């Protein structure tokens, strides 16, 4: 266990590398399950009293289909607002974004968590100050 100078050394012959491998796999699996559980716990209930801002990304032809999907999801039709660069929501409102442009196949639902005051920007407007988190997706595919 010690060398000629009295320093402690590991006796590598006695270490079972297979045991470390198995233990490493078990620990990795436990961490993966823990992370998945934590991600799954973020179930945000939809508040039907809040507005939902619909981003069409130039696909006005999909507006009716998107609104139908949002209503089926639980948003009241009268709370669905076509998004504009000047009219941003407030914390607690929702964003429904056709995703992924230019050929979206689903709607990304996001919760607005904070709105920072920002200068108007040509492309993003005042939305660049909106802090949001993804909460769900809705398919746009036909039944």
C-alpha atoms as a PDB file:
ATOM      1  CA  UNK A   1       0.000   0.000   0.000  1.00  0.00           C
ATOM      2  CA  UNK A   2       2.974   2.361   0.398  1.00  0.00           C
ATOM      3  CA  UNK A   3       6.005   2.790  -1.793  1.00  0.00           C
ATOM      4  CA  UNK A   4       9.647   2.918  -0.654  1.00  0.00           C
ATOM      5  CA  UNK A   5       9.258   6.603   0.341  1.00  0.00           C
ATOM      6  CA  UNK A   6       6.244   5.905   2.552  1.00  0.00           C
ATOM      7  CA  UNK A   7       3.701   7.517   0.166  1.00  0.00           C
ATOM      8  CA  UNK A   8       0.311   5.884  -0.038  1.00  0.00           C
ATOM      9  CA  UNK A   9      -0.429   4.361  -3.416  1.00  0.00           C
ATOM     10  CA  UNK A  10      -3.476   2.649  -4.820  1.00  0.00           C
ATOM     11  CA  UNK A  11      -3.229  -1.024  -5.423  1.00  0.00           C
ATOM     12  CA  UNK A  12      -4.621  -1.007  -8.969  1.00  0.00           C
ATOM     13  CA  UNK A  13      -4.642  -4.784  -9.163  1.00  0.00           C
ATOM     14  CA  UNK A  14      -7.378  -4.897  -6.506  1.00  0.00           C
ATOM     15  CA  UNK A  15      -9.709  -2.433  -8.256  1.00  0.00           C
ATOM     16  CA  UNK A  16     -12.416  -4.165 -10.271  1.00  0.00           C
ATOM     17  CA  UNK A  17     -12.965  -1.984 -13.393  1.00  0.00           C
ATOM     18  CA  UNK A  18     -16.178  -3.864 -14.228  1.00  0.00           C
ATOM     19  CA  UNK A  19     -17.689  -2.776 -10.921  1.00  0.00           C
ATOM     20  CA  UNK A  20     -16.928   0.869 -11.693  1.00  0.00           C
ATOM     21  CA  UNK A  21     -18.525   0.540 -15.128  1.00  0.00           C
ATOM     22  CA  UNK A  22     -21.736  -0.923 -13.739  1.00  0.00           C
ATOM     23  CA  UNK A  23     -21.876   1.712 -10.988  1.00  0.00           C
ATOM     24  CA  UNK A  24     -21.293   4.474 -13.570  1.00  0.00           C
ATOM     25  CA  UNK A  25     -24.171   3.183 -15.709  1.00  0.00           C
ATOM     26  CA  UNK A  26     -26.497   3.044 -12.702  1.00  0.00           C
ATOM     27  CA  UNK A  27     -25.589   6.586 -11.586  1.00  0.00           C
ATOM     28  CA  UNK A  28     -26.012   7.919 -15.149  1.00  0.00           C
ATOM     29  CA  UNK A  29     -29.433   6.261 -15.445  1.00  0.00           C
ATOM     30  CA  UNK A  30     -30.529   7.719 -12.097  1.00  0.00           C
ATOM     31  CA  UNK A  31     -29.460  11.209 -13.178  1.00  0.00           C
ATOM     32  CA  UNK A  32     -31.336  10.832 -16.490  1.00  0.00           C
ATOM     33  CA  UNK A  33     -34.521   9.747 -14.665  1.00  0.00           C
ATOM     34  CA  UNK A  34     -34.195  12.665 -12.240  1.00  0.00           C
ATOM     35  CA  UNK A  35     -33.794  15.179 -15.078  1.00  0.00           C
ATOM     36  CA  UNK A  36     -36.748  13.711 -16.995  1.00  0.00           C
ATOM     37  CA  UNK A  37     -38.901  13.867 -13.867  1.00  0.00           C
ATOM     38  CA  UNK A  38     -37.990  17.493 -13.250  1.00  0.00           C
ATOM     39  CA  UNK A  39     -38.781  18.433 -16.844  1.00  0.00           C
ATOM     40  CA  UNK A  40     -42.088  16.572 -16.739  1.00  0.00           C
ATOM     41  CA  UNK A  41     -43.170  18.414 -13.567  1.00  0.00           C
ATOM     42  CA  UNK A  42     -43.377  21.721 -15.479  1.00  0.00           C
ATOM     43  CA  UNK A  43     -47.046  21.301 -16.339  1.00  0.00           C
ATOM     44  CA  UNK A  44     -48.472  24.770 -16.814  1.00  0.00           C
ATOM     45  CA  UNK A  45     -52.246  24.926 -16.625  1.00  0.00           C
ATOM     46  CA  UNK A  46     -53.821  27.105 -19.308  1.00  0.00           C
ATOM     47  CA  UNK A  47     -55.671  30.113 -17.906  1.00  0.00           C
ATOM     48  CA  UNK A  48     -58.580  30.721 -20.320  1.00  0.00           C
ATOM     49  CA  UNK A  49     -58.898  34.334 -19.110  1.00  0.00           C
ATOM     50  CA  UNK A  50     -55.485  35.252 -20.551  1.00  0.00           C
ATOM     51  CA  UNK A  51     -54.837  36.419 -24.098  1.00  0.00           C
ATOM     52  CA  UNK A  52     -52.943  34.290 -26.605  1.00  0.00           C
ATOM     53  CA  UNK A  53     -50.937  36.088 -29.312  1.00  0.00           C
ATOM     54  CA  UNK A  54     -50.822  34.121 -32.561  1.00  0.00           C
ATOM     55  CA  UNK A  55     -47.679  34.462 -34.690  1.00  0.00           C
ATOM     56  CA  UNK A  56     -48.347  33.321 -38.247  1.00  0.00           C
ATOM     57  CA  UNK A  57     -44.849  34.037 -39.643  1.00  0.00           C
ATOM     58  CA  UNK A  58     -46.335  35.115 -42.960  1.00  0.00           C
ATOM     59  CA  UNK A  59     -48.635  32.094 -43.234  1.00  0.00           C
ATOM     60  CA  UNK A  60     -52.046  33.807 -43.195  1.00  0.00           C
ATOM     61  CA  UNK A  61     -53.363  30.749 -45.077  1.00  0.00           C
ATOM     62  CA  UNK A  62     -52.950  28.754 -41.840  1.00  0.00           C
ATOM     63  CA  UNK A  63     -54.691  31.228 -39.515  1.00  0.00           C
ATOM     64  CA  UNK A  64     -58.052  29.431 -39.427  1.00  0.00           C
ATOM     65  CA  UNK A  65     -56.408  26.024 -38.983  1.00  0.00           C
ATOM     66  CA  UNK A  66     -54.234  27.404 -36.171  1.00  0.00           C
ATOM     67  CA  UNK A  67     -57.186  29.054 -34.413  1.00  0.00           C
ATOM     68  CA  UNK A  68     -59.184  25.820 -34.642  1.00  0.00           C
ATOM     69  CA  UNK A  69     -56.280  23.900 -33.077  1.00  0.00           C
ATOM     70  CA  UNK A  70     -55.924  26.502 -30.306  1.00  0.00           C
ATOM     71  CA  UNK A  71     -59.645  26.375 -29.486  1.00  0.00           C
ATOM     72  CA  UNK A  72     -59.493  22.560 -29.353  1.00  0.00           C
ATOM     73  CA  UNK A  73     -56.506  22.922 -27.001  1.00  0.00           C
ATOM     74  CA  UNK A  74     -58.557  25.070 -24.614  1.00  0.00           C
ATOM     75  CA  UNK A  75     -58.067  28.711 -25.605  1.00  0.00           C
ATOM     76  CA  UNK A  76     -61.329  30.661 -26.109  1.00  0.00           C
ATOM     77  CA  UNK A  77     -61.589  32.005 -29.691  1.00  0.00           C
ATOM     78  CA  UNK A  78     -62.195  35.563 -28.433  1.00  0.00           C
ATOM     79  CA  UNK A  79     -58.849  35.481 -26.560  1.00  0.00           C
ATOM     80  CA  UNK A  80     -56.816  34.642 -29.689  1.00  0.00           C
ATOM     81  CA  UNK A  81     -55.160  37.822 -30.995  1.00  0.00           C
ATOM     82  CA  UNK A  82     -53.136  38.016 -34.192  1.00  0.00           C
ATOM     83  CA  UNK A  83     -49.714  39.185 -33.032  1.00  0.00           C
ATOM     84  CA  UNK A  84     -48.318  42.506 -34.212  1.00  0.00           C
ATOM     85  CA  UNK A  85     -44.961  44.150 -33.616  1.00  0.00           C
ATOM     86  CA  UNK A  86     -46.496  46.981 -31.537  1.00  0.00           C
ATOM     87  CA  UNK A  87     -48.938  45.088 -29.336  1.00  0.00           C
ATOM     88  CA  UNK A  88     -47.105  42.778 -26.939  1.00  0.00           C
ATOM     89  CA  UNK A  89     -48.707  40.780 -24.228  1.00  0.00           C
ATOM     90  CA  UNK A  90     -48.063  40.926 -20.532  1.00  0.00           C
ATOM     91  CA  UNK A  91     -46.717  38.418 -18.046  1.00  0.00           C
ATOM     92  CA  UNK A  92     -49.126  35.495 -17.793  1.00  0.00           C
ATOM     93  CA  UNK A  93     -50.372  35.799 -21.397  1.00  0.00           C
ATOM     94  CA  UNK A  94     -49.481  33.224 -24.034  1.00  0.00           C
ATOM     95  CA  UNK A  95     -47.754  33.099 -27.391  1.00  0.00           C
ATOM     96  CA  UNK A  96     -48.864  30.601 -30.043  1.00  0.00           C
ATOM     97  CA  UNK A  97     -46.283  30.461 -32.808  1.00  0.00           C
ATOM     98  CA  UNK A  98     -46.534  28.534 -36.059  1.00  0.00           C
ATOM     99  CA  UNK A  99     -43.313  26.571 -36.084  1.00  0.00           C
ATOM    100  CA  UNK A 100     -40.959  26.068 -37.920  1.00  0.00           C
ATOM    101  CA  UNK A 101     -41.095  28.692 -40.654  1.00  0.00           C
ATOM    102  CA  UNK A 102     -41.412  28.683 -43.624  1.00  0.00           C
ATOM    103  CA  UNK A 103     -43.344  25.365 -43.546  1.00  0.00           C
ATOM    104  CA  UNK A 104     -44.751  24.987 -40.036  1.00  0.00           C
ATOM    105  CA  UNK A 105     -46.129  21.640 -38.914  1.00  0.00           C
ATOM    106  CA  UNK A 106     -46.985  22.537 -35.320  1.00  0.00           C
ATOM    107  CA  UNK A 107     -47.784  25.410 -32.980  1.00  0.00           C
ATOM    108  CA  UNK A 108     -45.334  26.202 -30.204  1.00  0.00           C
ATOM    109  CA  UNK A 109     -47.185  27.373 -27.063  1.00  0.00           C
ATOM    110  CA  UNK A 110     -45.213  29.677 -24.786  1.00  0.00           C
ATOM    111  CA  UNK A 111     -46.004  31.446 -21.526  1.00  0.00           C
ATOM    112  CA  UNK A 112     -44.916  35.078 -21.237  1.00  0.00           C
ATOM    113  CA  UNK A 113     -43.012  35.258 -17.962  1.00  0.00           C
ATOM    114  CA  UNK A 114     -41.778  38.847 -18.140  1.00  0.00           C
ATOM    115  CA  UNK A 115     -41.906  41.872 -20.424  1.00  0.00           C
ATOM    116  CA  UNK A 116     -38.922  44.211 -20.419  1.00  0.00           C
ATOM    117  CA  UNK A 117     -39.210  47.753 -21.698  1.00  0.00           C
ATOM    118  CA  UNK A 118     -37.228  48.003 -24.950  1.00  0.00           C
ATOM    119  CA  UNK A 119     -36.822  50.320 -27.908  1.00  0.00           C
ATOM    120  CA  UNK A 120     -38.944  49.426 -30.937  1.00  0.00           C
ATOM    121  CA  UNK A 121     -36.953  47.359 -33.429  1.00  0.00           C
ATOM    122  CA  UNK A 122     -37.903  47.057 -37.093  1.00  0.00           C
ATOM    123  CA  UNK A 123     -38.049  43.252 -37.352  1.00  0.00           C
ATOM    124  CA  UNK A 124     -39.029  42.149 -33.832  1.00  0.00           C
ATOM    125  CA  UNK A 125     -40.839  45.285 -32.716  1.00  0.00           C
ATOM    126  CA  UNK A 126     -41.423  45.373 -28.992  1.00  0.00           C
ATOM    127  CA  UNK A 127     -41.477  41.566 -28.769  1.00  0.00           C
ATOM    128  CA  UNK A 128     -37.698  41.486 -28.341  1.00  0.00           C
ATOM    129  CA  UNK A 129     -38.309  42.453 -24.699  1.00  0.00           C
ATOM    130  CA  UNK A 130     -40.625  39.499 -24.035  1.00  0.00           C
ATOM    131  CA  UNK A 131     -39.211  36.713 -21.865  1.00  0.00           C
ATOM    132  CA  UNK A 132     -41.046  33.440 -22.391  1.00  0.00           C
ATOM    133  CA  UNK A 133     -40.846  29.734 -21.733  1.00  0.00           C
ATOM    134  CA  UNK A 134     -42.034  26.854 -23.885  1.00  0.00           C
ATOM    135  CA  UNK A 135     -44.903  24.934 -22.339  1.00  0.00           C
ATOM    136  CA  UNK A 136     -46.327  22.731 -25.090  1.00  0.00           C
ATOM    137  CA  UNK A 137     -46.779  22.036 -28.793  1.00  0.00           C
ATOM    138  CA  UNK A 138     -49.879  21.376 -30.874  1.00  0.00           C
ATOM    139  CA  UNK A 139     -49.740  19.515 -34.176  1.00  0.00           C
ATOM    140  CA  UNK A 140     -51.024  21.266 -37.294  1.00  0.00           C
ATOM    141  CA  UNK A 141     -51.279  18.022 -39.222  1.00  0.00           C
ATOM    142  CA  UNK A 142     -54.694  16.993 -40.511  1.00  0.00           C
ATOM    143  CA  UNK A 143     -56.644  14.596 -38.325  1.00  0.00           C
END
